[in-house]
PDB file of N, CA and C in Angstrom:
ATOM      1  N   MET A   1       6.180   2.458 -13.851  1.00  0.00           N
ATOM      2  CA  MET A   1       5.891   3.489 -12.898  1.00  0.00           C
ATOM      3  C   MET A   1       6.352   3.012 -11.525  1.00  0.00           C
ATOM      4  N   ARG A   2       6.791   3.940 -10.692  1.00  0.00           N
ATOM      5  CA  ARG A   2       7.193   3.635  -9.324  1.00  0.00           C
ATOM      6  C   ARG A   2       6.086   4.104  -8.384  1.00  0.00           C
ATOM      7  N   LEU A   3       5.678   3.218  -7.490  1.00  0.00           N
ATOM      8  CA  LEU A   3       4.633   3.538  -6.529  1.00  0.00           C
ATOM      9  C   LEU A   3       5.191   3.421  -5.117  1.00  0.00           C
ATOM     10  N   LEU A   4       5.028   4.469  -4.314  1.00  0.00           N
ATOM     11  CA  LEU A   4       5.419   4.439  -2.915  1.00  0.00           C
ATOM     12  C   LEU A   4       4.127   4.421  -2.101  1.00  0.00           C
ATOM     13  N   LEU A   5       3.852   3.297  -1.458  1.00  0.00           N
ATOM     14  CA  LEU A   5       2.607   3.144  -0.720  1.00  0.00           C
ATOM     15  C   LEU A   5       2.744   3.676   0.702  1.00  0.00           C
ATOM     16  N   ASP A   6       1.724   4.412   1.147  1.00  0.00           N
ATOM     17  CA  ASP A   6       1.722   4.796   2.556  1.00  0.00           C
ATOM     18  C   ASP A   6       1.130   3.639   3.354  1.00  0.00           C
ATOM     19  N   THR A   7       1.152   3.755   4.656  1.00  0.00           N
ATOM     20  CA  THR A   7       0.755   2.654   5.524  1.00  0.00           C
ATOM     21  C   THR A   7      -0.691   2.236   5.296  1.00  0.00           C
ATOM     22  N   HIS A   8      -1.600   3.212   5.184  1.00  0.00           N
ATOM     23  CA  HIS A   8      -3.010   2.871   4.987  1.00  0.00           C
ATOM     24  C   HIS A   8      -3.226   2.100   3.687  1.00  0.00           C
ATOM     25  N   VAL A   9      -2.640   2.579   2.620  1.00  0.00           N
ATOM     26  CA  VAL A   9      -2.804   1.915   1.325  1.00  0.00           C
ATOM     27  C   VAL A   9      -2.221   0.509   1.376  1.00  0.00           C
ATOM     28  N   PHE A  10      -1.066   0.354   1.992  1.00  0.00           N
ATOM     29  CA  PHE A  10      -0.441  -0.960   2.121  1.00  0.00           C
ATOM     30  C   PHE A  10      -1.346  -1.935   2.878  1.00  0.00           C
ATOM     31  N   LEU A  11      -1.876  -1.492   4.030  1.00  0.00           N
ATOM     32  CA  LEU A  11      -2.740  -2.362   4.823  1.00  0.00           C
ATOM     33  C   LEU A  11      -4.047  -2.661   4.104  1.00  0.00           C
ATOM     34  N   TRP A  12      -4.629  -1.667   3.447  1.00  0.00           N
ATOM     35  CA  TRP A  12      -5.866  -1.892   2.690  1.00  0.00           C
ATOM     36  C   TRP A  12      -5.617  -2.909   1.581  1.00  0.00           C
ATOM     37  N   HIS A  13      -4.471  -2.793   0.918  1.00  0.00           N
ATOM     38  CA  HIS A  13      -4.145  -3.726  -0.157  1.00  0.00           C
ATOM     39  C   HIS A  13      -3.992  -5.155   0.391  1.00  0.00           C
ATOM     40  N   LEU A  14      -3.297  -5.290   1.500  1.00  0.00           N
ATOM     41  CA  LEU A  14      -3.111  -6.613   2.099  1.00  0.00           C
ATOM     42  C   LEU A  14      -4.438  -7.260   2.496  1.00  0.00           C
ATOM     43  N   ASN A  15      -5.362  -6.428   2.963  1.00  0.00           N
ATOM     44  CA  ASN A  15      -6.658  -6.932   3.433  1.00  0.00           C
ATOM     45  C   ASN A  15      -7.713  -7.005   2.344  1.00  0.00           C
ATOM     46  N   GLY A  16      -7.384  -6.563   1.132  1.00  0.00           N
ATOM     47  CA  GLY A  16      -8.354  -6.576   0.044  1.00  0.00           C
ATOM     48  C   GLY A  16      -9.504  -5.606   0.272  1.00  0.00           C
ATOM     49  N   SER A  17      -9.238  -4.520   0.963  1.00  0.00           N
ATOM     50  CA  SER A  17     -10.273  -3.554   1.321  1.00  0.00           C
ATOM     51  C   SER A  17     -10.877  -2.871   0.095  1.00  0.00           C
ATOM     52  N   LYS A  18     -12.182  -2.691   0.139  1.00  0.00           N
ATOM     53  CA  LYS A  18     -12.886  -1.965  -0.920  1.00  0.00           C
ATOM     54  C   LYS A  18     -12.636  -0.465  -0.812  1.00  0.00           C
ATOM     55  N   ALA A  19     -11.991  -0.013   0.273  1.00  0.00           N
ATOM     56  CA  ALA A  19     -11.643   1.402   0.419  1.00  0.00           C
ATOM     57  C   ALA A  19     -10.571   1.808  -0.590  1.00  0.00           C
ATOM     58  N   LEU A  20      -9.855   0.828  -1.106  1.00  0.00           N
ATOM     59  CA  LEU A  20      -8.804   1.081  -2.087  1.00  0.00           C
ATOM     60  C   LEU A  20      -9.436   1.124  -3.479  1.00  0.00           C
ATOM     61  N   PRO A  21      -9.347   2.261  -4.175  1.00  0.00           N
ATOM     62  CA  PRO A  21      -9.955   2.362  -5.507  1.00  0.00           C
ATOM     63  C   PRO A  21      -9.423   1.292  -6.469  1.00  0.00           C
ATOM     64  N   ALA A  22     -10.283   0.842  -7.342  1.00  0.00           N
ATOM     65  CA  ALA A  22      -9.945  -0.237  -8.274  1.00  0.00           C
ATOM     66  C   ALA A  22      -8.747   0.109  -9.148  1.00  0.00           C
ATOM     67  N   ASP A  23      -8.627   1.368  -9.576  1.00  0.00           N
ATOM     68  CA  ASP A  23      -7.498   1.732 -10.438  1.00  0.00           C
ATOM     69  C   ASP A  23      -6.175   1.679  -9.680  1.00  0.00           C
ATOM     70  N   LEU A  24      -6.195   2.023  -8.407  1.00  0.00           N
ATOM     71  CA  LEU A  24      -4.980   1.940  -7.603  1.00  0.00           C
ATOM     72  C   LEU A  24      -4.638   0.481  -7.318  1.00  0.00           C
ATOM     73  N   ARG A  25      -5.635  -0.336  -7.042  1.00  0.00           N
ATOM     74  CA  ARG A  25      -5.420  -1.769  -6.831  1.00  0.00           C
ATOM     75  C   ARG A  25      -4.771  -2.389  -8.070  1.00  0.00           C
ATOM     76  N   ALA A  26      -5.272  -2.000  -9.237  1.00  0.00           N
ATOM     77  CA  ALA A  26      -4.725  -2.518 -10.492  1.00  0.00           C
ATOM     78  C   ALA A  26      -3.280  -2.060 -10.686  1.00  0.00           C
ATOM     79  N   ALA A  27      -2.991  -0.807 -10.338  1.00  0.00           N
ATOM     80  CA  ALA A  27      -1.624  -0.291 -10.492  1.00  0.00           C
ATOM     81  C   ALA A  27      -0.653  -1.028  -9.572  1.00  0.00           C
ATOM     82  N   ILE A  28      -1.087  -1.347  -8.355  1.00  0.00           N
ATOM     83  CA  ILE A  28      -0.235  -2.073  -7.409  1.00  0.00           C
ATOM     84  C   ILE A  28       0.041  -3.482  -7.923  1.00  0.00           C
ATOM     85  N   GLN A  29      -0.947  -4.113  -8.524  1.00  0.00           N
ATOM     86  CA  GLN A  29      -0.810  -5.486  -8.989  1.00  0.00           C
ATOM     87  C   GLN A  29      -0.139  -5.608 -10.353  1.00  0.00           C
ATOM     88  N   ASP A  30       0.016  -4.498 -11.064  1.00  0.00           N
ATOM     89  CA  ASP A  30       0.616  -4.516 -12.398  1.00  0.00           C
ATOM     90  C   ASP A  30       2.115  -4.819 -12.281  1.00  0.00           C
ATOM     91  N   PRO A  31       2.578  -5.924 -12.851  1.00  0.00           N
ATOM     92  CA  PRO A  31       4.000  -6.281 -12.733  1.00  0.00           C
ATOM     93  C   PRO A  31       4.938  -5.290 -13.423  1.00  0.00           C
ATOM     94  N   ALA A  32       4.403  -4.411 -14.254  1.00  0.00           N
ATOM     95  CA  ALA A  32       5.234  -3.404 -14.904  1.00  0.00           C
ATOM     96  C   ALA A  32       5.596  -2.270 -13.943  1.00  0.00           C
ATOM     97  N   ASN A  33       4.895  -2.193 -12.815  1.00  0.00           N
ATOM     98  CA  ASN A  33       5.144  -1.137 -11.834  1.00  0.00           C
ATOM     99  C   ASN A  33       6.028  -1.647 -10.710  1.00  0.00           C
ATOM    100  N   ALA A  34       6.898  -0.773 -10.216  1.00  0.00           N
ATOM    101  CA  ALA A  34       7.732  -1.083  -9.047  1.00  0.00           C
ATOM    102  C   ALA A  34       7.023  -0.508  -7.823  1.00  0.00           C
ATOM    103  N   VAL A  35       6.722  -1.364  -6.850  1.00  0.00           N
ATOM    104  CA  VAL A  35       5.984  -0.937  -5.660  1.00  0.00           C
ATOM    105  C   VAL A  35       6.944  -0.905  -4.474  1.00  0.00           C
ATOM    106  N   PHE A  36       6.940   0.223  -3.771  1.00  0.00           N
ATOM    107  CA  PHE A  36       7.827   0.427  -2.630  1.00  0.00           C
ATOM    108  C   PHE A  36       7.001   0.726  -1.391  1.00  0.00           C
ATOM    109  N   LEU A  37       7.567   0.414  -0.257  1.00  0.00           N
ATOM    110  CA  LEU A  37       6.953   0.681   1.032  1.00  0.00           C
ATOM    111  C   LEU A  37       8.003   1.322   1.918  1.00  0.00           C
ATOM    112  N   SER A  38       7.644   2.411   2.561  1.00  0.00           N
ATOM    113  CA  SER A  38       8.574   3.085   3.454  1.00  0.00           C
ATOM    114  C   SER A  38       8.869   2.205   4.662  1.00  0.00           C
ATOM    115  N   PRO A  39      10.107   2.196   5.133  1.00  0.00           N
ATOM    116  CA  PRO A  39      10.418   1.440   6.354  1.00  0.00           C
ATOM    117  C   PRO A  39       9.589   1.905   7.555  1.00  0.00           C
ATOM    118  N   VAL A  40       9.161   3.143   7.543  1.00  0.00           N
ATOM    119  CA  VAL A  40       8.333   3.682   8.634  1.00  0.00           C
ATOM    120  C   VAL A  40       7.001   2.945   8.705  1.00  0.00           C
ATOM    121  N   SER A  41       6.525   2.410   7.584  1.00  0.00           N
ATOM    122  CA  SER A  41       5.249   1.694   7.565  1.00  0.00           C
ATOM    123  C   SER A  41       5.282   0.421   8.399  1.00  0.00           C
ATOM    124  N   ILE A  42       6.442  -0.123   8.644  1.00  0.00           N
ATOM    125  CA  ILE A  42       6.566  -1.299   9.499  1.00  0.00           C
ATOM    126  C   ILE A  42       6.412  -0.896  10.968  1.00  0.00           C
ATOM    127  N   TRP A  43       6.931   0.262  11.323  1.00  0.00           N
ATOM    128  CA  TRP A  43       6.906   0.752  12.687  1.00  0.00           C
ATOM    129  C   TRP A  43       5.571   1.403  13.032  1.00  0.00           C
ATOM    130  N   GLU A  44       4.976   2.120  12.100  1.00  0.00           N
ATOM    131  CA  GLU A  44       3.823   2.961  12.359  1.00  0.00           C
ATOM    132  C   GLU A  44       2.629   2.247  13.019  1.00  0.00           C
ATOM    133  N   PRO A  45       2.211   1.071  12.573  1.00  0.00           N
ATOM    134  CA  PRO A  45       1.053   0.433  13.211  1.00  0.00           C
ATOM    135  C   PRO A  45       1.291   0.016  14.667  1.00  0.00           C
ATOM    136  N   SER A  46       2.531  -0.075  15.084  1.00  0.00           N
ATOM    137  CA  SER A  46       2.812  -0.508  16.448  1.00  0.00           C
ATOM    138  C   SER A  46       2.883   0.653  17.438  1.00  0.00           C
ATOM    139  N   VAL A  47       2.733   1.889  16.960  1.00  0.00           N
ATOM    140  CA  VAL A  47       2.799   3.057  17.829  1.00  0.00           C
ATOM    141  C   VAL A  47       1.478   3.160  18.610  1.00  0.00           C
ATOM    142  N   PRO A  48       1.549   3.255  19.926  1.00  0.00           N
ATOM    143  CA  PRO A  48       0.314   3.382  20.715  1.00  0.00           C
ATOM    144  C   PRO A  48      -0.470   4.622  20.302  1.00  0.00           C
ATOM    145  N   GLY A  49      -1.760   4.481  20.182  1.00  0.00           N
ATOM    146  CA  GLY A  49      -2.629   5.530  19.665  1.00  0.00           C
ATOM    147  C   GLY A  49      -2.988   6.582  20.612  1.00  0.00           C
TER     148      GLY A  49
END
């Protein structure tokens, strides 16, 4: 399966947040899945709020 993570999901995954459902965490960690991140996710957290 191919997974495209949005910025929130990517950051929650990096931080081990409990906000990320266990089934999604498992899907991200499953080596059978290809996980992608949009290039915009690198820029998005640096945008002034």
